[in-house]
Amino acid sequence: MSETDPDFAPIATRIRDNVGRQGFMGLVGAELAELSRGTCTIAVERRPELLQQHGFFHGGVTAFLVDNATTIAAATSRGQAALTAEYKLNLLSPASGDRLICRARVIKPGRQVAVVAADVFCVIDGKEKHTATALASIAMLDDKTAARIQSPA
C-alpha cells in the first residue's frame, strides 16, 4: 500500500498502535487482519467464551466487530480519530463455524461524519457464509477533541 499511497503508512502505524491498546480486542481475541485506506478487516477465532447457548457466535461479538471495524475504516480515510455515532445491524443468519470475519469499507468519507458499511461472514469448512450486514455513521474527531478524549482532565 505504501508504494501507491505513501501518506498512509504513518496513519496505518498509528491505527495499529491504537488498536493494540484496546483491551477489549485482546479479551475477545480479535485481530486486525487487514488495513488499507478506507477499509478494515477484523477477525476472531471460535472460542467457547464467544458463543451463546446454542453454540453460535454471540450477537454481541458480531456487533463488536462491526463497531470496531467501521470506526477503524473511517479513521483510515484522513487519519482522523473517530468514534461510532450509530449503526444499524442486520443479523442475516446464525454465525457458526471456526472464524468470524468483519470487512468494513467507507462509503462516504466526511470531515465530521463518515458513512461506513460492513459485512460479517462466518467460515464453515473453509467457505464464507454471510451472517450480518451493517451501515454505520462514524463521528470524525478534530485534533483538539481527540486530545481531550485521550487525556481527560
N, C-alpha and C. Protein backbone atom coordinates (compact mmCIF):
# COMPACT_ATOMS: atom_id res chain seq x y z
N MET A 1 0.83 -1.20 0.00
CA MET A 1 0.00 0.00 0.00
C MET A 1 0.86 1.25 0.00
N SER A 2 2.02 1.21 0.65
CA SER A 2 2.85 2.40 0.76
C SER A 2 3.39 2.86 -0.58
N GLU A 3 3.53 1.92 -1.55
CA GLU A 3 4.01 2.32 -2.87
C GLU A 3 2.98 3.18 -3.59
N THR A 4 1.71 2.87 -3.45
CA THR A 4 0.67 3.64 -4.14
C THR A 4 0.13 4.78 -3.29
N ASP A 5 0.32 4.70 -1.97
CA ASP A 5 -0.21 5.71 -1.05
C ASP A 5 0.80 5.91 0.09
N PRO A 6 1.91 6.61 -0.19
CA PRO A 6 2.95 6.74 0.84
C PRO A 6 2.49 7.48 2.09
N ASP A 7 1.45 8.32 1.97
CA ASP A 7 0.95 9.05 3.14
C ASP A 7 0.18 8.16 4.10
N PHE A 8 -0.17 6.94 3.66
CA PHE A 8 -0.97 6.07 4.50
C PHE A 8 -0.14 5.33 5.56
N ALA A 9 1.13 5.11 5.31
CA ALA A 9 1.97 4.33 6.24
C ALA A 9 1.93 4.87 7.68
N PRO A 10 2.12 6.18 7.91
CA PRO A 10 2.06 6.66 9.30
C PRO A 10 0.65 6.55 9.90
N ILE A 11 -0.37 6.69 9.07
CA ILE A 11 -1.75 6.53 9.54
C ILE A 11 -1.96 5.08 9.99
N ALA A 12 -1.53 4.14 9.16
CA ALA A 12 -1.69 2.71 9.49
C ALA A 12 -0.94 2.37 10.78
N THR A 13 0.25 2.89 10.94
CA THR A 13 1.03 2.63 12.16
C THR A 13 0.30 3.17 13.38
N ARG A 14 -0.20 4.40 13.30
CA ARG A 14 -0.93 4.99 14.42
C ARG A 14 -2.18 4.19 14.76
N ILE A 15 -2.92 3.77 13.74
CA ILE A 15 -4.13 2.99 13.97
C ILE A 15 -3.78 1.64 14.60
N ARG A 16 -2.79 0.96 14.07
CA ARG A 16 -2.40 -0.34 14.65
C ARG A 16 -1.95 -0.18 16.11
N ASP A 17 -1.23 0.89 16.41
CA ASP A 17 -0.82 1.16 17.80
C ASP A 17 -2.05 1.38 18.69
N ASN A 18 -3.00 2.19 18.21
CA ASN A 18 -4.21 2.46 18.98
C ASN A 18 -5.03 1.19 19.21
N VAL A 19 -5.18 0.40 18.17
CA VAL A 19 -5.93 -0.85 18.29
C VAL A 19 -5.23 -1.79 19.28
N GLY A 20 -3.91 -1.77 19.27
CA GLY A 20 -3.14 -2.60 20.20
C GLY A 20 -3.37 -2.24 21.66
N ARG A 21 -3.84 -1.02 21.91
CA ARG A 21 -4.12 -0.58 23.29
C ARG A 21 -5.56 -0.86 23.72
N GLN A 22 -6.36 -1.41 22.82
CA GLN A 22 -7.74 -1.73 23.17
C GLN A 22 -7.79 -3.05 23.93
N GLY A 23 -8.08 -2.98 25.19
CA GLY A 23 -8.16 -4.19 26.00
C GLY A 23 -9.22 -5.15 25.52
N PHE A 24 -10.32 -4.62 24.99
CA PHE A 24 -11.41 -5.49 24.57
C PHE A 24 -11.02 -6.35 23.38
N MET A 25 -10.19 -5.81 22.48
CA MET A 25 -9.70 -6.62 21.36
C MET A 25 -9.00 -7.86 21.89
N GLY A 26 -8.15 -7.67 22.89
CA GLY A 26 -7.44 -8.80 23.48
C GLY A 26 -8.36 -9.75 24.22
N LEU A 27 -9.32 -9.18 24.94
CA LEU A 27 -10.26 -10.01 25.69
C LEU A 27 -11.05 -10.93 24.75
N VAL A 28 -11.50 -10.39 23.63
CA VAL A 28 -12.26 -11.17 22.66
C VAL A 28 -11.34 -12.07 21.83
N GLY A 29 -10.07 -11.67 21.72
CA GLY A 29 -9.14 -12.43 20.89
C GLY A 29 -9.21 -12.06 19.43
N ALA A 30 -9.66 -10.83 19.15
CA ALA A 30 -9.81 -10.37 17.76
C ALA A 30 -8.47 -9.87 17.23
N GLU A 31 -8.31 -9.97 15.92
CA GLU A 31 -7.09 -9.49 15.27
C GLU A 31 -7.44 -8.54 14.13
N LEU A 32 -6.63 -7.52 14.00
CA LEU A 32 -6.76 -6.60 12.87
C LEU A 32 -6.08 -7.29 11.69
N ALA A 33 -6.88 -7.91 10.83
CA ALA A 33 -6.36 -8.77 9.78
C ALA A 33 -5.87 -7.99 8.56
N GLU A 34 -6.61 -6.95 8.17
CA GLU A 34 -6.22 -6.14 7.01
C GLU A 34 -6.58 -4.69 7.27
N LEU A 35 -5.75 -3.82 6.72
CA LEU A 35 -5.96 -2.39 6.88
C LEU A 35 -5.44 -1.68 5.65
N SER A 36 -6.30 -0.89 5.02
CA SER A 36 -5.88 -0.06 3.90
C SER A 36 -6.73 1.20 3.92
N ARG A 37 -6.42 2.14 3.07
CA ARG A 37 -7.17 3.40 3.04
C ARG A 37 -8.64 3.09 2.76
N GLY A 38 -9.51 3.42 3.72
CA GLY A 38 -10.94 3.24 3.56
C GLY A 38 -11.48 1.86 3.87
N THR A 39 -10.62 0.94 4.32
CA THR A 39 -11.09 -0.41 4.63
C THR A 39 -10.43 -0.96 5.88
N CYS A 40 -11.12 -1.90 6.49
CA CYS A 40 -10.59 -2.59 7.66
C CYS A 40 -11.23 -3.97 7.75
N THR A 41 -10.43 -4.97 8.07
CA THR A 41 -10.94 -6.31 8.31
C THR A 41 -10.47 -6.76 9.68
N ILE A 42 -11.43 -7.20 10.49
CA ILE A 42 -11.14 -7.75 11.82
C ILE A 42 -11.71 -9.16 11.86
N ALA A 43 -10.96 -10.08 12.47
CA ALA A 43 -11.40 -11.47 12.55
C ALA A 43 -11.20 -12.00 13.97
N VAL A 44 -11.99 -13.02 14.29
CA VAL A 44 -11.88 -13.66 15.60
C VAL A 44 -12.11 -15.17 15.41
N GLU A 45 -11.31 -15.95 16.11
CA GLU A 45 -11.43 -17.41 16.07
C GLU A 45 -12.51 -17.86 17.05
N ARG A 46 -13.13 -18.96 16.75
CA ARG A 46 -14.16 -19.55 17.62
C ARG A 46 -13.53 -19.99 18.94
N ARG A 47 -14.18 -19.57 20.02
CA ARG A 47 -13.80 -19.99 21.37
C ARG A 47 -15.09 -20.14 22.17
N PRO A 48 -15.15 -21.07 23.12
CA PRO A 48 -16.38 -21.26 23.89
C PRO A 48 -16.88 -19.98 24.56
N GLU A 49 -15.98 -19.10 24.97
CA GLU A 49 -16.37 -17.87 25.65
C GLU A 49 -17.12 -16.90 24.75
N LEU A 50 -17.06 -17.09 23.43
CA LEU A 50 -17.68 -16.17 22.48
C LEU A 50 -19.01 -16.69 21.94
N LEU A 51 -19.45 -17.83 22.46
CA LEU A 51 -20.65 -18.48 21.93
C LEU A 51 -21.84 -18.29 22.85
N GLN A 52 -23.04 -18.31 22.24
CA GLN A 52 -24.25 -18.27 23.04
C GLN A 52 -24.70 -19.71 23.31
N GLN A 53 -25.83 -19.87 23.94
CA GLN A 53 -26.26 -21.18 24.45
C GLN A 53 -26.51 -22.23 23.37
N HIS A 54 -26.71 -21.82 22.11
CA HIS A 54 -26.96 -22.78 21.03
C HIS A 54 -25.69 -23.10 20.24
N GLY A 55 -24.57 -22.56 20.68
CA GLY A 55 -23.30 -22.86 20.02
C GLY A 55 -22.93 -21.93 18.88
N PHE A 56 -23.72 -20.87 18.67
CA PHE A 56 -23.39 -19.88 17.64
C PHE A 56 -22.57 -18.76 18.28
N PHE A 57 -21.81 -18.02 17.43
CA PHE A 57 -21.16 -16.81 17.94
C PHE A 57 -22.25 -15.91 18.50
N HIS A 58 -21.99 -15.33 19.64
CA HIS A 58 -22.94 -14.42 20.28
C HIS A 58 -23.10 -13.19 19.39
N GLY A 59 -24.33 -12.66 19.32
CA GLY A 59 -24.58 -11.45 18.53
C GLY A 59 -23.74 -10.27 18.99
N GLY A 60 -23.38 -10.26 20.26
CA GLY A 60 -22.52 -9.19 20.77
C GLY A 60 -21.14 -9.21 20.15
N VAL A 61 -20.65 -10.37 19.78
CA VAL A 61 -19.35 -10.47 19.09
C VAL A 61 -19.47 -9.86 17.70
N THR A 62 -20.56 -10.19 17.01
CA THR A 62 -20.79 -9.59 15.69
C THR A 62 -20.89 -8.07 15.81
N ALA A 63 -21.65 -7.59 16.79
CA ALA A 63 -21.81 -6.15 16.99
C ALA A 63 -20.48 -5.48 17.30
N PHE A 64 -19.66 -6.10 18.15
CA PHE A 64 -18.34 -5.56 18.46
C PHE A 64 -17.48 -5.45 17.21
N LEU A 65 -17.47 -6.51 16.39
CA LEU A 65 -16.66 -6.48 15.18
C LEU A 65 -17.11 -5.35 14.25
N VAL A 66 -18.41 -5.18 14.09
CA VAL A 66 -18.94 -4.10 13.25
C VAL A 66 -18.55 -2.74 13.83
N ASP A 67 -18.75 -2.57 15.13
CA ASP A 67 -18.43 -1.30 15.79
C ASP A 67 -16.97 -0.93 15.57
N ASN A 68 -16.09 -1.86 15.83
CA ASN A 68 -14.66 -1.56 15.73
C ASN A 68 -14.19 -1.41 14.28
N ALA A 69 -14.60 -2.32 13.41
CA ALA A 69 -14.13 -2.29 12.03
C ALA A 69 -14.61 -1.04 11.29
N THR A 70 -15.86 -0.62 11.53
CA THR A 70 -16.36 0.57 10.84
C THR A 70 -15.64 1.83 11.32
N THR A 71 -15.38 1.90 12.62
CA THR A 71 -14.68 3.06 13.15
C THR A 71 -13.24 3.12 12.64
N ILE A 72 -12.58 1.98 12.62
CA ILE A 72 -11.20 1.93 12.13
C ILE A 72 -11.15 2.27 10.64
N ALA A 73 -12.07 1.73 9.86
CA ALA A 73 -12.10 2.04 8.42
C ALA A 73 -12.27 3.55 8.21
N ALA A 74 -13.16 4.17 8.98
CA ALA A 74 -13.36 5.62 8.86
C ALA A 74 -12.08 6.37 9.20
N ALA A 75 -11.38 5.92 10.23
CA ALA A 75 -10.14 6.59 10.65
C ALA A 75 -9.06 6.52 9.57
N THR A 76 -9.10 5.51 8.72
CA THR A 76 -8.07 5.38 7.68
C THR A 76 -8.23 6.42 6.57
N SER A 77 -9.42 6.98 6.41
CA SER A 77 -9.67 7.89 5.29
C SER A 77 -8.79 9.13 5.33
N ARG A 78 -8.78 9.79 6.49
CA ARG A 78 -8.00 11.03 6.61
C ARG A 78 -7.01 10.99 7.77
N GLY A 79 -6.98 9.88 8.47
CA GLY A 79 -6.09 9.79 9.61
C GLY A 79 -6.64 10.45 10.85
N GLN A 80 -7.94 10.79 10.83
CA GLN A 80 -8.58 11.41 11.99
C GLN A 80 -9.00 10.35 12.99
N ALA A 81 -9.02 10.73 14.26
CA ALA A 81 -9.62 9.87 15.27
C ALA A 81 -11.12 9.81 15.00
N ALA A 82 -11.75 8.71 15.41
CA ALA A 82 -13.15 8.51 15.10
C ALA A 82 -13.85 7.75 16.22
N LEU A 83 -15.14 7.99 16.36
CA LEU A 83 -15.98 7.29 17.33
C LEU A 83 -17.30 6.91 16.66
N THR A 84 -17.84 5.78 17.03
CA THR A 84 -19.13 5.37 16.48
C THR A 84 -20.23 6.30 16.97
N ALA A 85 -21.03 6.82 16.05
CA ALA A 85 -22.20 7.62 16.41
C ALA A 85 -23.43 6.72 16.44
N GLU A 86 -23.55 5.84 15.44
CA GLU A 86 -24.66 4.88 15.43
C GLU A 86 -24.39 3.85 14.33
N TYR A 87 -25.04 2.70 14.47
CA TYR A 87 -25.04 1.74 13.38
C TYR A 87 -26.31 0.92 13.40
N LYS A 88 -26.67 0.46 12.22
CA LYS A 88 -27.81 -0.43 12.03
C LYS A 88 -27.25 -1.77 11.64
N LEU A 89 -27.55 -2.78 12.43
CA LEU A 89 -27.01 -4.11 12.22
C LEU A 89 -28.14 -5.06 11.88
N ASN A 90 -28.01 -5.74 10.76
CA ASN A 90 -28.96 -6.77 10.37
C ASN A 90 -28.28 -8.13 10.49
N LEU A 91 -28.81 -8.98 11.37
CA LEU A 91 -28.30 -10.34 11.52
C LEU A 91 -29.03 -11.20 10.50
N LEU A 92 -28.31 -11.74 9.54
CA LEU A 92 -28.90 -12.47 8.42
C LEU A 92 -29.09 -13.95 8.70
N SER A 93 -28.16 -14.52 9.45
CA SER A 93 -28.25 -15.94 9.80
C SER A 93 -27.34 -16.19 11.00
N PRO A 94 -27.59 -17.30 11.72
CA PRO A 94 -26.72 -17.60 12.87
C PRO A 94 -25.26 -17.76 12.43
N ALA A 95 -24.37 -17.26 13.25
CA ALA A 95 -22.94 -17.30 12.95
C ALA A 95 -22.32 -18.51 13.63
N SER A 96 -21.96 -19.50 12.83
CA SER A 96 -21.31 -20.69 13.37
C SER A 96 -19.93 -20.81 12.75
N GLY A 97 -19.37 -21.97 12.74
CA GLY A 97 -18.08 -22.17 12.09
C GLY A 97 -16.90 -21.89 13.00
N ASP A 98 -15.74 -21.77 12.36
CA ASP A 98 -14.48 -21.67 13.08
C ASP A 98 -13.97 -20.25 13.27
N ARG A 99 -14.51 -19.32 12.49
CA ARG A 99 -13.96 -17.96 12.48
C ARG A 99 -15.06 -17.00 12.07
N LEU A 100 -14.98 -15.79 12.60
CA LEU A 100 -15.90 -14.72 12.24
C LEU A 100 -15.05 -13.58 11.67
N ILE A 101 -15.45 -13.07 10.51
CA ILE A 101 -14.67 -12.03 9.81
C ILE A 101 -15.59 -10.85 9.52
N CYS A 102 -15.14 -9.65 9.84
CA CYS A 102 -15.89 -8.43 9.51
C CYS A 102 -15.05 -7.58 8.57
N ARG A 103 -15.63 -7.24 7.43
CA ARG A 103 -14.98 -6.38 6.44
C ARG A 103 -15.76 -5.08 6.34
N ALA A 104 -15.10 -3.98 6.67
CA ALA A 104 -15.74 -2.67 6.63
C ALA A 104 -15.10 -1.83 5.54
N ARG A 105 -15.94 -0.98 4.90
CA ARG A 105 -15.44 -0.10 3.84
C ARG A 105 -16.17 1.23 3.92
N VAL A 106 -15.43 2.28 3.74
CA VAL A 106 -16.01 3.63 3.78
C VAL A 106 -16.82 3.85 2.51
N ILE A 107 -18.07 4.26 2.71
CA ILE A 107 -18.95 4.59 1.60
C ILE A 107 -18.82 6.07 1.26
N LYS A 108 -18.81 6.91 2.31
CA LYS A 108 -18.69 8.37 2.13
C LYS A 108 -17.85 8.93 3.26
N PRO A 109 -16.61 9.31 2.95
CA PRO A 109 -15.80 9.94 3.99
C PRO A 109 -16.31 11.37 4.22
N GLY A 110 -16.12 11.87 5.40
CA GLY A 110 -16.53 13.23 5.69
C GLY A 110 -15.66 13.81 6.78
N ARG A 111 -15.63 15.13 6.87
CA ARG A 111 -14.84 15.78 7.92
C ARG A 111 -15.45 15.58 9.30
N GLN A 112 -16.79 15.54 9.36
CA GLN A 112 -17.47 15.39 10.65
C GLN A 112 -18.13 14.03 10.82
N VAL A 113 -18.66 13.48 9.74
CA VAL A 113 -19.32 12.18 9.80
C VAL A 113 -18.93 11.37 8.56
N ALA A 114 -18.56 10.13 8.77
CA ALA A 114 -18.29 9.20 7.67
C ALA A 114 -19.37 8.12 7.69
N VAL A 115 -19.76 7.68 6.51
CA VAL A 115 -20.71 6.57 6.40
C VAL A 115 -19.91 5.34 5.98
N VAL A 116 -20.07 4.27 6.75
CA VAL A 116 -19.27 3.06 6.54
C VAL A 116 -20.19 1.85 6.52
N ALA A 117 -19.98 0.94 5.58
CA ALA A 117 -20.72 -0.31 5.50
C ALA A 117 -19.83 -1.44 5.98
N ALA A 118 -20.46 -2.48 6.52
CA ALA A 118 -19.70 -3.65 6.98
C ALA A 118 -20.49 -4.91 6.69
N ASP A 119 -19.77 -5.96 6.39
CA ASP A 119 -20.36 -7.28 6.21
C ASP A 119 -19.60 -8.26 7.08
N VAL A 120 -20.34 -9.16 7.72
CA VAL A 120 -19.75 -10.16 8.60
C VAL A 120 -20.00 -11.54 8.01
N PHE A 121 -18.96 -12.35 8.03
CA PHE A 121 -19.01 -13.69 7.48
C PHE A 121 -18.49 -14.68 8.53
N CYS A 122 -19.09 -15.86 8.56
CA CYS A 122 -18.50 -16.93 9.35
C CYS A 122 -17.88 -17.92 8.38
N VAL A 123 -16.82 -18.56 8.82
CA VAL A 123 -16.11 -19.52 7.97
C VAL A 123 -16.48 -20.92 8.44
N ILE A 124 -17.13 -21.66 7.54
CA ILE A 124 -17.56 -23.03 7.82
C ILE A 124 -16.91 -23.95 6.79
N ASP A 125 -16.08 -24.87 7.25
CA ASP A 125 -15.38 -25.80 6.34
C ASP A 125 -14.66 -25.05 5.22
N GLY A 126 -14.03 -23.94 5.57
CA GLY A 126 -13.25 -23.16 4.62
C GLY A 126 -14.05 -22.25 3.71
N LYS A 127 -15.38 -22.25 3.83
CA LYS A 127 -16.22 -21.40 2.99
C LYS A 127 -16.85 -20.30 3.83
N GLU A 128 -16.96 -19.12 3.26
CA GLU A 128 -17.56 -17.99 3.96
C GLU A 128 -19.07 -17.97 3.77
N LYS A 129 -19.78 -17.71 4.88
CA LYS A 129 -21.23 -17.56 4.85
C LYS A 129 -21.55 -16.18 5.39
N HIS A 130 -22.33 -15.41 4.65
CA HIS A 130 -22.69 -14.04 5.04
C HIS A 130 -23.69 -14.12 6.20
N THR A 131 -23.32 -13.56 7.35
CA THR A 131 -24.18 -13.67 8.53
C THR A 131 -24.74 -12.34 9.01
N ALA A 132 -24.14 -11.23 8.61
CA ALA A 132 -24.64 -9.93 9.07
C ALA A 132 -24.17 -8.83 8.12
N THR A 133 -24.95 -7.75 8.11
CA THR A 133 -24.57 -6.57 7.34
C THR A 133 -24.94 -5.34 8.17
N ALA A 134 -24.20 -4.27 7.99
CA ALA A 134 -24.42 -3.08 8.81
C ALA A 134 -24.07 -1.82 8.03
N LEU A 135 -24.68 -0.73 8.48
CA LEU A 135 -24.36 0.60 7.97
C LEU A 135 -24.16 1.49 9.18
N ALA A 136 -23.03 2.20 9.21
CA ALA A 136 -22.67 2.99 10.39
C ALA A 136 -22.41 4.44 10.04
N SER A 137 -22.74 5.31 11.00
CA SER A 137 -22.36 6.72 10.96
C SER A 137 -21.25 6.88 11.99
N ILE A 138 -20.11 7.35 11.52
CA ILE A 138 -18.95 7.46 12.38
C ILE A 138 -18.59 8.94 12.55
N ALA A 139 -18.51 9.38 13.80
CA ALA A 139 -18.15 10.76 14.10
C ALA A 139 -16.64 10.92 13.95
N MET A 140 -16.24 11.85 13.11
CA MET A 140 -14.82 12.14 12.90
C MET A 140 -14.42 13.27 13.84
N LEU A 141 -13.37 13.04 14.60
CA LEU A 141 -12.97 14.00 15.63
C LEU A 141 -11.84 14.89 15.14
N ASP A 142 -11.91 16.18 15.49
CA ASP A 142 -10.79 17.07 15.18
C ASP A 142 -9.69 16.79 16.21
N ASP A 143 -8.50 17.31 15.96
CA ASP A 143 -7.35 17.02 16.83
C ASP A 143 -7.59 17.45 18.27
N LYS A 144 -8.23 18.62 18.46
CA LYS A 144 -8.47 19.14 19.81
C LYS A 144 -9.41 18.22 20.59
N THR A 145 -10.48 17.78 19.96
CA THR A 145 -11.43 16.88 20.61
C THR A 145 -10.78 15.53 20.89
N ALA A 146 -10.04 15.01 19.94
CA ALA A 146 -9.37 13.72 20.13
C ALA A 146 -8.39 13.79 21.29
N ALA A 147 -7.64 14.87 21.40
CA ALA A 147 -6.69 15.03 22.50
C ALA A 147 -7.41 15.09 23.84
N ARG A 148 -8.54 15.79 23.89
CA ARG A 148 -9.31 15.91 25.13
C ARG A 148 -9.85 14.55 25.55
N ILE A 149 -10.32 13.75 24.61
CA ILE A 149 -10.87 12.43 24.93
C ILE A 149 -9.76 11.50 25.41
N GLN A 150 -8.58 11.57 24.79
CA GLN A 150 -7.49 10.67 25.16
C GLN A 150 -6.86 11.07 26.47
N SER A 151 -6.97 12.32 26.87
CA SER A 151 -6.38 12.82 28.11
C SER A 151 -7.42 13.61 28.89
N PRO A 152 -8.43 12.93 29.46
CA PRO A 152 -9.46 13.69 30.18
C PRO A 152 -8.89 14.45 31.36
N ALA A 153 -9.44 15.64 31.60
CA ALA A 153 -8.94 16.48 32.69
C ALA A 153 -9.41 15.99 34.04
